[in-house]
């Protein structure tokens, strides 16, 4: 699914990152983009790098990635992944 990344451990889904496809228009040019939202990691699998891996995978896509008003914990991960405040 284009708008959702899942993190799995063995047969269990342990995290997800929503990446909603959007288009940006600047002047007369249209850019492919994605809106990062809803980062969720199972509490048993937090502090293991799952959130970082989800953001890294999302940022490897050939799209501009946007985010807005993250939770304090998500903001830390987003800054590590290269987002600008």
Protein backbone atom coordinates (compact mmCIF):
# COMPACT_ATOMS: atom_id res chain seq x y z
CA UNK A 1 0.00 0.00 0.00
CA UNK A 2 1.55 3.29 -1.09
CA UNK A 3 0.38 5.28 1.91
CA UNK A 4 1.47 2.98 4.72
CA UNK A 5 4.76 1.48 5.89
CA UNK A 6 4.67 -1.43 8.31
CA UNK A 7 7.41 -2.74 10.58
CA UNK A 8 7.26 -6.48 11.28
CA UNK A 9 9.12 -8.69 13.72
CA UNK A 10 8.65 -12.36 13.01
CA UNK A 11 4.91 -12.57 12.18
CA UNK A 12 3.84 -9.56 14.26
CA UNK A 13 3.31 -6.00 13.03
CA UNK A 14 5.13 -3.83 15.56
CA UNK A 15 4.90 -0.39 13.99
CA UNK A 16 3.51 1.76 11.23
CA UNK A 17 4.06 5.09 9.53
CA UNK A 18 1.38 6.71 7.41
CA UNK A 19 2.68 8.41 4.25
CA UNK A 20 -0.23 10.04 2.47
CA UNK A 21 0.47 10.88 -1.19
CA UNK A 22 0.00 14.57 -2.05
CA UNK A 23 1.05 16.98 -4.79
CA UNK A 24 2.76 20.30 -4.16
CA UNK A 25 2.52 23.22 -6.54
CA UNK A 26 5.27 25.83 -6.51
CA UNK A 27 4.99 28.52 -9.13
CA UNK A 28 3.87 26.43 -12.12
CA UNK A 29 5.59 23.16 -11.26
CA UNK A 30 3.90 20.17 -9.58
CA UNK A 31 5.96 18.00 -7.20
CA UNK A 32 5.18 14.51 -5.91
CA UNK A 33 5.14 14.55 -2.12
CA UNK A 34 4.00 12.57 0.89
CA UNK A 35 2.63 13.64 4.25
CA UNK A 36 4.17 11.72 7.18
CA UNK A 37 1.61 11.01 9.89
CA UNK A 38 0.55 8.49 12.50
CA UNK A 39 3.86 7.00 13.58
CA UNK A 40 2.97 4.20 15.97
CA UNK A 41 5.30 1.62 17.54
CA UNK A 42 4.13 -1.19 19.84
CA UNK A 43 5.25 -0.26 23.39
CA UNK A 44 7.11 -3.58 23.73
CA UNK A 45 9.30 -2.66 20.71
CA UNK A 46 10.05 1.00 21.45
CA UNK A 47 13.63 2.24 21.92
CA UNK A 48 14.90 -0.39 19.45
CA UNK A 49 15.11 1.85 16.37
CA UNK A 50 11.77 0.83 14.83
CA UNK A 51 10.56 4.42 14.42
CA UNK A 52 13.90 5.45 12.92
CA UNK A 53 13.76 2.57 10.44
CA UNK A 54 10.24 3.54 9.37
CA UNK A 55 11.24 7.18 8.80
CA UNK A 56 14.43 6.14 6.94
CA UNK A 57 12.41 3.87 4.64
CA UNK A 58 9.90 6.65 3.99
CA UNK A 59 12.61 9.20 3.25
CA UNK A 60 14.20 6.92 0.65
CA UNK A 61 11.19 7.39 -1.60
CA UNK A 62 11.69 9.85 -4.43
CA UNK A 63 9.22 12.34 -2.96
CA UNK A 64 9.27 15.45 -0.82
CA UNK A 65 8.23 14.43 2.70
CA UNK A 66 6.15 16.76 4.84
CA UNK A 67 5.15 16.60 8.48
CA UNK A 68 3.30 18.86 10.89
CA UNK A 69 2.65 19.09 14.62
CA UNK A 70 4.22 15.78 15.70
CA UNK A 71 4.15 14.47 19.24
CA UNK A 72 7.35 15.29 21.19
CA UNK A 73 8.70 11.73 20.71
CA UNK A 74 7.88 11.71 16.99
CA UNK A 75 9.53 15.12 16.61
CA UNK A 76 12.81 13.71 17.97
CA UNK A 77 12.69 10.90 15.40
CA UNK A 78 11.74 13.28 12.59
CA UNK A 79 14.66 15.61 13.37
CA UNK A 80 17.04 12.61 13.36
CA UNK A 81 15.60 11.58 9.99
CA UNK A 82 16.43 14.99 8.49
CA UNK A 83 13.21 16.99 8.85
CA UNK A 84 13.58 20.72 9.49
CA UNK A 85 11.65 22.24 12.40
